[in-house]
Each structure stands twice: as structure tokens, then as C-alpha cells.
Amino acid sequence: MVRASSTPAPTLSPQFCFNERLLRDFLSLSRSTIDDSITQNLNALVTPARAGFDPSSTAIRQTDSKATRTIDPAACQDFKDKVLFPSWQTRSDVLTYCAGVATSPDPDDPDLLLRQTESARDRERVVDERLDPYSARFFPREARTESLANLVRNQRTVEEIIRARTWGLVLERCGADSGTPLGWEEALNGWREMKQR
């Protein structure tokens, strides 16, 4: 039984991507429901009452939680196929789409005229650094496509770190048999291939 649910995919549009707060919030919420709470999600897969209560289990202090809490392989696979991988795929799709938006021309940029005016003014400035050594400083406004590209690049780095951590915990709790890929990339690609069949 899979209890966790992934965050629904947003409607992809350039406006969604350029609203960096909304993009960050979606990624953060998606990560928090699946990856940040991976231990709780995996614990929810354990069905301790399936074998019934064993009174001798209280006679000895159990210090190794992994030995007593094995997760049914079918439940693990179900969790990966229905919750974990779809969540990762949704976030990958969003980041790929927004990376495309960031590399496309942006005719609707609201700051385009302002940046062009500032750039023209900067070219006309006469700088005498002897009078004011800081007068040569000019910080042009960053285009929103550049800002979005930086955000996507940073979020992809965060994704790699979080997915590696999550996958390590999944392998630890669900067990890694000979057919289980050791890296999250291979596991996700294998899931994608199975889904396309």
C-alpha cells in the first residue's frame, strides 16, 4: 500500500518559470513530501502486524532497527514506481522546460527597455577615476532569462544531491538485489524505459 503522494505537476508556461518564487515553492514542496520525508515514507511501507505479535520480541532489546524492519520488496517496488520516480520525473520535466524558456528569446521582458537605457547611459558616461575611484563601477541589470538559467542550474545541483541521498536510503531499507541499479540515474532511466513499453 503506497501512502505518500507526489505533488501534482504544475501547468508549464513561461510565466510559471519566470515567477521564480512559484518555481522554487513547487520544487521545495515536491521534495519535502517525498525526498525530505523518505524515512517516514519507507517506514509507512512496513507492516509489523502481518506476522502477528511475538511476545519474545520484548525479551531482548532491539538495537538494530534494520534487522527487524525489513520492507516487503513488492511494497518497495510499488513505492518507487508510483511515488518516487513519478515525483522525480515531474521535477525533471519542470526543470527541463524552464531551462528551455531560459535559453529562448524573451520578447516580453518587462525590464528590456530599462536595461537598454542603462546600457546606453553607461556607454556615454565619462569616468575620472582620480576623482572617484568607484565611479567606474556599473552593475547592469540581469535579464530575467539569465536569472532563470542560474536558478535552474542551482536547482539541478540540489536535485542531484537530494536524489543521491534518497536513493541511498531506499537501497538501504529496501535492499539491493543483483537487478537493482546502484545509481539513481540508472534506476530512473530504467523506470522511464519500463513506462514507455
C-alpha atoms as a PDB file:
ATOM      1  CA  MET A   1       0.000   0.000   0.000  1.00  0.00           C
ATOM      2  CA  VAL A   2       1.505   3.329  -1.092  1.00  0.00           C
ATOM      3  CA  ARG A   3       0.564   6.143   1.296  1.00  0.00           C
ATOM      4  CA  ALA A   4       2.683   9.079   0.143  1.00  0.00           C
ATOM      5  CA  SER A   5       1.580  11.067  -2.842  1.00  0.00           C
ATOM      6  CA  SER A   6       3.620  13.273  -5.079  1.00  0.00           C
ATOM      7  CA  THR A   7       2.902  16.920  -5.700  1.00  0.00           C
ATOM      8  CA  PRO A   8       0.736  17.435  -8.800  1.00  0.00           C
ATOM      9  CA  ALA A   9       2.571  18.745 -11.842  1.00  0.00           C
ATOM     10  CA  PRO A  10       2.093  22.459 -12.494  1.00  0.00           C
ATOM     11  CA  THR A  11       0.844  23.819 -15.785  1.00  0.00           C
ATOM     12  CA  LEU A  12       4.043  24.625 -17.629  1.00  0.00           C
ATOM     13  CA  SER A  13       4.276  28.070 -19.170  1.00  0.00           C
ATOM     14  CA  PRO A  14       6.956  30.767 -19.429  1.00  0.00           C
ATOM     15  CA  GLN A  15       5.024  32.773 -16.811  1.00  0.00           C
ATOM     16  CA  PHE A  16       5.349  29.869 -14.367  1.00  0.00           C
ATOM     17  CA  CYS A  17       9.113  29.684 -14.948  1.00  0.00           C
ATOM     18  CA  PHE A  18       9.678  33.444 -14.690  1.00  0.00           C
ATOM     19  CA  ASN A  19       7.805  33.507 -11.388  1.00  0.00           C
ATOM     20  CA  GLU A  20      10.881  32.242  -9.551  1.00  0.00           C
ATOM     21  CA  ARG A  21       9.130  32.145  -6.173  1.00  0.00           C
ATOM     22  CA  LEU A  22       6.422  29.876  -7.577  1.00  0.00           C
ATOM     23  CA  LEU A  23       9.008  27.639  -9.261  1.00  0.00           C
ATOM     24  CA  ARG A  24      11.064  27.359  -6.062  1.00  0.00           C
ATOM     25  CA  ASP A  25       7.933  26.691  -3.994  1.00  0.00           C
ATOM     26  CA  PHE A  26       6.829  23.862  -6.286  1.00  0.00           C
ATOM     27  CA  LEU A  27      10.261  22.204  -6.202  1.00  0.00           C
ATOM     28  CA  SER A  28      10.531  22.642  -2.440  1.00  0.00           C
ATOM     29  CA  LEU A  29       7.056  21.240  -1.772  1.00  0.00           C
ATOM     30  CA  SER A  30       7.663  18.269  -4.054  1.00  0.00           C
ATOM     31  CA  ARG A  31      10.965  17.499  -2.346  1.00  0.00           C
ATOM     32  CA  SER A  32       9.508  17.852   1.137  1.00  0.00           C
ATOM     33  CA  THR A  33       6.624  15.444   0.516  1.00  0.00           C
ATOM     34  CA  ILE A  34       8.803  12.676  -0.922  1.00  0.00           C
ATOM     35  CA  ASP A  35      12.559  13.101  -0.518  1.00  0.00           C
ATOM     36  CA  ASP A  36      12.839  15.062   2.740  1.00  0.00           C
ATOM     37  CA  SER A  37      10.492  12.615   4.454  1.00  0.00           C
ATOM     38  CA  ILE A  38      11.855   9.466   2.775  1.00  0.00           C
ATOM     39  CA  THR A  39      12.445   7.714   6.110  1.00  0.00           C
ATOM     40  CA  GLN A  40       8.826   8.237   7.153  1.00  0.00           C
ATOM     41  CA  ASN A  41       7.612   7.179   3.709  1.00  0.00           C
ATOM     42  CA  LEU A  42       9.655   3.977   3.882  1.00  0.00           C
ATOM     43  CA  ASN A  43       8.537   3.324   7.475  1.00  0.00           C
ATOM     44  CA  ALA A  44       4.940   3.569   6.286  1.00  0.00           C
ATOM     45  CA  LEU A  45       5.621   0.595   3.990  1.00  0.00           C
ATOM     46  CA  VAL A  46       6.443  -1.673   6.935  1.00  0.00           C
ATOM     47  CA  THR A  47       3.534  -3.822   8.067  1.00  0.00           C
ATOM     48  CA  PRO A  48       4.567  -5.045  11.520  1.00  0.00           C
ATOM     49  CA  ALA A  49       1.291  -6.775  12.348  1.00  0.00           C
ATOM     50  CA  ARG A  50       1.372  -9.049   9.301  1.00  0.00           C
ATOM     51  CA  ALA A  51       3.156 -11.865  11.176  1.00  0.00           C
ATOM     52  CA  GLY A  52       1.324 -11.246  14.449  1.00  0.00           C
ATOM     53  CA  PHE A  53       2.762 -10.228  17.790  1.00  0.00           C
ATOM     54  CA  ASP A  54       5.672 -12.281  19.122  1.00  0.00           C
ATOM     55  CA  PRO A  55       5.955 -11.933  22.928  1.00  0.00           C
ATOM     56  CA  SER A  56       9.612 -12.979  22.826  1.00  0.00           C
ATOM     57  CA  SER A  57      10.377  -9.826  20.818  1.00  0.00           C
ATOM     58  CA  THR A  58      10.157  -7.798  24.040  1.00  0.00           C
ATOM     59  CA  ALA A  59      12.558 -10.056  25.968  1.00  0.00           C
ATOM     60  CA  ILE A  60      15.620  -8.722  24.149  1.00  0.00           C
ATOM     61  CA  ARG A  61      16.321  -5.089  23.472  1.00  0.00           C
ATOM     62  CA  GLN A  62      16.274  -4.494  19.725  1.00  0.00           C
ATOM     63  CA  THR A  63      19.045  -2.062  18.820  1.00  0.00           C
ATOM     64  CA  ASP A  64      19.363  -2.823  15.136  1.00  0.00           C
ATOM     65  CA  SER A  65      16.239  -1.394  13.557  1.00  0.00           C
ATOM     66  CA  LYS A  66      17.218  -2.523  10.047  1.00  0.00           C
ATOM     67  CA  ALA A  67      17.236  -6.172  11.032  1.00  0.00           C
ATOM     68  CA  THR A  68      13.700  -6.101  12.378  1.00  0.00           C
ATOM     69  CA  ARG A  69      12.117  -3.749   9.878  1.00  0.00           C
ATOM     70  CA  THR A  70      12.536  -5.349   6.517  1.00  0.00           C
ATOM     71  CA  ILE A  71      10.240  -3.915   3.906  1.00  0.00           C
ATOM     72  CA  ASP A  72       8.339  -6.147   1.564  1.00  0.00           C
ATOM     73  CA  PRO A  73      10.104  -5.957  -1.838  1.00  0.00           C
ATOM     74  CA  ALA A  74       6.766  -5.623  -3.639  1.00  0.00           C
ATOM     75  CA  ALA A  75       5.802  -2.645  -1.442  1.00  0.00           C
ATOM     76  CA  CYS A  76       9.193  -1.046  -2.105  1.00  0.00           C
ATOM     77  CA  GLN A  77       8.851  -1.517  -5.838  1.00  0.00           C
ATOM     78  CA  ASP A  78       5.315  -0.144  -5.745  1.00  0.00           C
ATOM     79  CA  PHE A  79       6.528   2.939  -3.842  1.00  0.00           C
ATOM     80  CA  LYS A  80       9.360   3.535  -6.310  1.00  0.00           C
ATOM     81  CA  ASP A  81       7.142   3.051  -9.380  1.00  0.00           C
ATOM     82  CA  LYS A  82       4.102   5.010  -8.199  1.00  0.00           C
ATOM     83  CA  VAL A  83       5.527   7.730  -5.952  1.00  0.00           C
ATOM     84  CA  LEU A  84       9.294   8.244  -6.018  1.00  0.00           C
ATOM     85  CA  PHE A  85      10.089   8.039  -9.736  1.00  0.00           C
ATOM     86  CA  PRO A  86       6.993   9.987 -10.890  1.00  0.00           C
ATOM     87  CA  SER A  87       7.918  12.770  -8.445  1.00  0.00           C
ATOM     88  CA  TRP A  88      11.479  12.866  -9.764  1.00  0.00           C
ATOM     89  CA  GLN A  89      10.223  12.805 -13.347  1.00  0.00           C
ATOM     90  CA  THR A  90       7.829  15.697 -12.741  1.00  0.00           C
ATOM     91  CA  ARG A  91      10.617  17.826 -11.256  1.00  0.00           C
ATOM     92  CA  SER A  92      12.935  16.878 -14.132  1.00  0.00           C
ATOM     93  CA  ASP A  93      10.252  17.860 -16.654  1.00  0.00           C
ATOM     94  CA  VAL A  94       9.726  21.233 -14.949  1.00  0.00           C
ATOM     95  CA  LEU A  95      13.455  21.985 -14.829  1.00  0.00           C
ATOM     96  CA  THR A  96      13.954  20.916 -18.450  1.00  0.00           C
ATOM     97  CA  TYR A  97      11.050  23.077 -19.604  1.00  0.00           C
ATOM     98  CA  CYS A  98      12.255  26.103 -17.631  1.00  0.00           C
ATOM     99  CA  ALA A  99      15.822  25.613 -18.937  1.00  0.00           C
ATOM    100  CA  GLY A 100      14.351  25.809 -22.444  1.00  0.00           C
ATOM    101  CA  VAL A 101      12.499  29.000 -21.521  1.00  0.00           C
ATOM    102  CA  ALA A 102      15.729  30.458 -20.104  1.00  0.00           C
ATOM    103  CA  THR A 103      17.614  29.846 -23.361  1.00  0.00           C
ATOM    104  CA  SER A 104      14.848  31.176 -25.611  1.00  0.00           C
ATOM    105  CA  PRO A 105      14.492  34.821 -26.657  1.00  0.00           C
ATOM    106  CA  ASP A 106      12.299  36.797 -24.285  1.00  0.00           C
ATOM    107  CA  PRO A 107      10.308  39.413 -26.237  1.00  0.00           C
ATOM    108  CA  ASP A 108       8.037  40.069 -23.229  1.00  0.00           C
ATOM    109  CA  ASP A 109      10.846  41.027 -20.848  1.00  0.00           C
ATOM    110  CA  PRO A 110       9.440  43.950 -18.805  1.00  0.00           C
ATOM    111  CA  ASP A 111      12.941  45.272 -17.989  1.00  0.00           C
ATOM    112  CA  LEU A 112      14.285  45.211 -21.563  1.00  0.00           C
ATOM    113  CA  LEU A 113      13.836  48.960 -22.205  1.00  0.00           C
ATOM    114  CA  LEU A 114      15.230  49.850 -18.791  1.00  0.00           C
ATOM    115  CA  ARG A 115      18.327  47.713 -19.364  1.00  0.00           C
ATOM    116  CA  GLN A 116      18.860  49.194 -22.825  1.00  0.00           C
ATOM    117  CA  THR A 117      18.553  52.723 -21.416  1.00  0.00           C
ATOM    118  CA  GLU A 118      21.005  51.956 -18.595  1.00  0.00           C
ATOM    119  CA  SER A 119      23.440  50.404 -21.063  1.00  0.00           C
ATOM    120  CA  ALA A 120      23.273  53.436 -23.381  1.00  0.00           C
ATOM    121  CA  ARG A 121      23.749  55.799 -20.414  1.00  0.00           C
ATOM    122  CA  ASP A 122      26.725  53.754 -19.216  1.00  0.00           C
ATOM    123  CA  ARG A 123      28.417  53.961 -22.622  1.00  0.00           C
ATOM    124  CA  GLU A 124      28.066  57.772 -22.604  1.00  0.00           C
ATOM    125  CA  ARG A 125      29.488  58.245 -19.110  1.00  0.00           C
ATOM    126  CA  VAL A 126      32.838  59.907 -18.720  1.00  0.00           C
ATOM    127  CA  VAL A 127      34.723  58.421 -15.794  1.00  0.00           C
ATOM    128  CA  ASP A 128      37.518  60.191 -13.991  1.00  0.00           C
ATOM    129  CA  GLU A 129      38.810  57.561 -11.569  1.00  0.00           C
ATOM    130  CA  ARG A 130      41.168  60.055  -9.937  1.00  0.00           C
ATOM    131  CA  LEU A 131      38.213  61.959  -8.551  1.00  0.00           C
ATOM    132  CA  ASP A 132      36.064  58.954  -7.681  1.00  0.00           C
ATOM    133  CA  PRO A 133      37.663  55.507  -7.942  1.00  0.00           C
ATOM    134  CA  TYR A 134      34.259  53.862  -7.572  1.00  0.00           C
ATOM    135  CA  SER A 135      32.586  55.768 -10.397  1.00  0.00           C
ATOM    136  CA  ALA A 136      33.656  53.168 -12.967  1.00  0.00           C
ATOM    137  CA  ARG A 137      31.503  50.557 -11.275  1.00  0.00           C
ATOM    138  CA  PHE A 138      28.433  49.686 -13.219  1.00  0.00           C
ATOM    139  CA  PHE A 139      26.253  46.715 -12.424  1.00  0.00           C
ATOM    140  CA  PRO A 140      23.956  46.073 -15.357  1.00  0.00           C
ATOM    141  CA  ARG A 141      20.584  44.562 -14.627  1.00  0.00           C
ATOM    142  CA  GLU A 142      20.421  40.859 -15.223  1.00  0.00           C
ATOM    143  CA  ALA A 143      17.901  39.733 -17.830  1.00  0.00           C
ATOM    144  CA  ARG A 144      15.189  37.527 -16.386  1.00  0.00           C
ATOM    145  CA  THR A 145      16.294  34.710 -18.699  1.00  0.00           C
ATOM    146  CA  GLU A 146      19.782  34.860 -17.140  1.00  0.00           C
ATOM    147  CA  SER A 147      18.288  34.837 -13.660  1.00  0.00           C
ATOM    148  CA  LEU A 148      16.089  31.859 -14.580  1.00  0.00           C
ATOM    149  CA  ALA A 149      19.065  29.990 -16.081  1.00  0.00           C
ATOM    150  CA  ASN A 150      21.004  30.473 -12.819  1.00  0.00           C
ATOM    151  CA  LEU A 151      18.033  29.275 -10.778  1.00  0.00           C
ATOM    152  CA  VAL A 152      17.581  26.154 -12.950  1.00  0.00           C
ATOM    153  CA  ARG A 153      21.302  25.366 -12.742  1.00  0.00           C
ATOM    154  CA  ASN A 154      21.238  25.672  -8.938  1.00  0.00           C
ATOM    155  CA  GLN A 155      18.066  23.595  -8.615  1.00  0.00           C
ATOM    156  CA  ARG A 156      19.537  20.821 -10.777  1.00  0.00           C
ATOM    157  CA  THR A 157      22.526  20.652  -8.439  1.00  0.00           C
ATOM    158  CA  VAL A 158      20.158  20.439  -5.452  1.00  0.00           C
ATOM    159  CA  GLU A 159      18.201  17.668  -7.231  1.00  0.00           C
ATOM    160  CA  GLU A 160      21.346  15.591  -7.736  1.00  0.00           C
ATOM    161  CA  ILE A 161      22.299  15.840  -4.069  1.00  0.00           C
ATOM    162  CA  ILE A 162      18.797  15.075  -2.777  1.00  0.00           C
ATOM    163  CA  ARG A 163      18.223  12.177  -5.179  1.00  0.00           C
ATOM    164  CA  ALA A 164      21.556  10.578  -4.279  1.00  0.00           C
ATOM    165  CA  ARG A 165      20.663  10.771  -0.573  1.00  0.00           C
ATOM    166  CA  THR A 166      17.136   9.473  -1.126  1.00  0.00           C
ATOM    167  CA  TRP A 167      18.286   6.609  -3.343  1.00  0.00           C
ATOM    168  CA  GLY A 168      20.908   5.598  -0.768  1.00  0.00           C
ATOM    169  CA  LEU A 169      18.189   5.314   1.893  1.00  0.00           C
ATOM    170  CA  VAL A 170      15.904   3.390  -0.477  1.00  0.00           C
ATOM    171  CA  LEU A 171      18.687   0.890  -1.225  1.00  0.00           C
ATOM    172  CA  GLU A 172      19.489   0.591   2.479  1.00  0.00           C
ATOM    173  CA  ARG A 173      15.899  -0.050   3.567  1.00  0.00           C
ATOM    174  CA  CYS A 174      14.578  -1.975   0.574  1.00  0.00           C
ATOM    175  CA  GLY A 175      17.721  -3.953  -0.078  1.00  0.00           C
ATOM    176  CA  ALA A 176      19.691  -4.029  -3.274  1.00  0.00           C
ATOM    177  CA  ASP A 177      19.476  -7.252  -5.206  1.00  0.00           C
ATOM    178  CA  SER A 178      21.552  -8.024  -8.283  1.00  0.00           C
ATOM    179  CA  GLY A 179      19.000  -6.361 -10.589  1.00  0.00           C
ATOM    180  CA  THR A 180      18.797  -3.085  -8.656  1.00  0.00           C
ATOM    181  CA  PRO A 181      20.820  -0.237 -10.195  1.00  0.00           C
ATOM    182  CA  LEU A 182      23.288   1.279  -7.757  1.00  0.00           C
ATOM    183  CA  GLY A 183      22.798   4.843  -9.017  1.00  0.00           C
ATOM    184  CA  TRP A 184      19.590   6.855  -9.008  1.00  0.00           C
ATOM    185  CA  GLU A 185      20.136   7.926 -12.628  1.00  0.00           C
ATOM    186  CA  GLU A 186      20.155   4.318 -13.847  1.00  0.00           C
ATOM    187  CA  ALA A 187      17.122   3.487 -11.719  1.00  0.00           C
ATOM    188  CA  LEU A 188      15.147   6.458 -13.052  1.00  0.00           C
ATOM    189  CA  ASN A 189      16.157   5.706 -16.649  1.00  0.00           C
ATOM    190  CA  GLY A 190      15.113   2.063 -16.173  1.00  0.00           C
ATOM    191  CA  TRP A 191      11.729   3.202 -14.863  1.00  0.00           C
ATOM    192  CA  ARG A 192      11.314   5.537 -17.858  1.00  0.00           C
ATOM    193  CA  GLU A 193      12.059   2.671 -20.259  1.00  0.00           C
ATOM    194  CA  MET A 194       9.584   0.365 -18.500  1.00  0.00           C
ATOM    195  CA  LYS A 195       6.931   3.093 -18.661  1.00  0.00           C
ATOM    196  CA  GLN A 196       7.406   3.545 -22.419  1.00  0.00           C
ATOM    197  CA  ARG A 197       6.811  -0.124 -23.153  1.00  0.00           C
END
